[in-house]
Protein backbone atom coordinates (compact mmCIF):
# COMPACT_ATOMS: atom_id res chain seq x y z
CA UNK A 1 18.11 -0.12 12.75
CA UNK A 2 16.49 3.18 13.67
CA UNK A 3 12.90 3.57 14.85
CA UNK A 4 11.72 4.98 11.51
CA UNK A 5 12.96 1.90 9.66
CA UNK A 6 11.43 -0.35 12.31
CA UNK A 7 8.03 1.32 11.96
CA UNK A 8 8.15 1.00 8.16
CA UNK A 9 8.95 -2.69 8.41
CA UNK A 10 6.22 -3.23 11.00
CA UNK A 11 3.69 -1.60 8.66
CA UNK A 12 4.80 -3.81 5.79
CA UNK A 13 4.71 -6.90 8.00
CA UNK A 14 1.23 -6.07 9.26
CA UNK A 15 -0.10 -5.75 5.71
CA UNK A 16 1.55 -9.03 4.79
CA UNK A 17 0.00 -10.79 7.79
CA UNK A 18 -3.43 -9.24 7.04
CA UNK A 19 -3.05 -10.36 3.43
CA UNK A 20 -2.26 -13.94 4.48
CA UNK A 21 -5.17 -14.05 6.94
CA UNK A 22 -7.57 -12.51 4.44
CA UNK A 23 -6.57 -15.02 1.78
CA UNK A 24 -7.01 -17.95 4.18
CA UNK A 25 -10.47 -16.75 5.23
CA UNK A 26 -11.55 -15.61 1.74
CA UNK A 27 -11.88 -11.94 2.73
CA UNK A 28 -11.39 -10.58 -0.77
CA UNK A 29 -11.51 -6.86 0.01
CA UNK A 30 -9.05 -7.14 2.90
CA UNK A 31 -6.75 -9.24 0.77
CA UNK A 32 -6.89 -6.79 -2.15
CA UNK A 33 -6.19 -3.73 0.03
CA UNK A 34 -3.35 -5.32 1.97
CA UNK A 35 -1.93 -6.71 -1.27
CA UNK A 36 -2.06 -3.21 -2.76
CA UNK A 37 -0.27 -1.53 0.15
CA UNK A 38 2.13 -4.07 1.63
CA UNK A 39 5.07 -2.84 -0.45
CA UNK A 40 4.44 0.87 0.12
CA UNK A 41 6.79 1.17 3.12
CA UNK A 42 9.65 -0.16 0.98
CA UNK A 43 8.73 2.28 -1.79
CA UNK A 44 8.68 5.12 0.75
CA UNK A 45 12.21 4.18 1.82
CA UNK A 46 13.33 4.34 -1.81
CA UNK A 47 11.69 7.76 -2.20
CA UNK A 48 13.43 9.04 0.91
CA UNK A 49 16.76 7.78 -0.45
CA UNK A 50 16.14 9.53 -3.78
CA UNK A 51 15.65 6.35 -5.82
CA UNK A 52 12.11 7.37 -6.80
CA UNK A 53 9.55 10.00 -5.82
CA UNK A 54 6.12 9.85 -4.29
CA UNK A 55 4.38 10.50 -7.60
CA UNK A 56 5.83 7.21 -8.82
CA UNK A 57 4.41 5.46 -5.76
CA UNK A 58 0.96 6.90 -6.50
CA UNK A 59 1.30 5.85 -10.14
CA UNK A 60 2.27 2.33 -9.07
CA UNK A 61 -0.68 2.16 -6.65
CA UNK A 62 -3.08 3.24 -9.39
CA UNK A 63 -1.68 0.68 -11.81
CA UNK A 64 -1.86 -2.15 -9.27
CA UNK A 65 -5.35 -1.09 -8.17
CA UNK A 66 -6.49 -1.29 -11.78
CA UNK A 67 -5.02 -4.79 -12.12
CA UNK A 68 -6.75 -5.88 -8.90
CA UNK A 69 -10.06 -4.25 -9.90
CA UNK A 70 -10.07 -1.86 -6.93
CA UNK A 71 -9.43 1.40 -8.78
CA UNK A 72 -12.76 2.79 -7.58
CA UNK A 73 -11.73 2.28 -3.95
CA UNK A 74 -8.38 4.00 -4.46
CA UNK A 75 -9.91 6.90 -6.42
CA UNK A 76 -12.54 7.43 -3.72
CA UNK A 77 -9.94 7.25 -0.95
CA UNK A 78 -7.73 9.81 -2.71
CA UNK A 79 -10.68 12.12 -3.32
CA UNK A 80 -11.85 11.86 0.30
CA UNK A 81 -8.36 12.67 1.57
CA UNK A 82 -7.78 15.53 -0.85
CA UNK A 83 -11.10 17.27 -0.13
CA UNK A 84 -10.87 19.99 2.55
């Protein structure tokens, strides 16, 4: 396993552990955000291997955020990042 793959898996694992801890302690926002992003490293790997592209990852994030009622957070985060 190369370092890039290790880092991706560590990111995914950290979100999973945050998600578990947030759920146990009833930290709804932390749980929702970690739940939204914990699969992103795996999706990034697929994009790098040509199985999907990053626009599909963004689309998936937006769909999941809507389901989890955190679309406003994601929209604000995207807008903040995209503004110069």
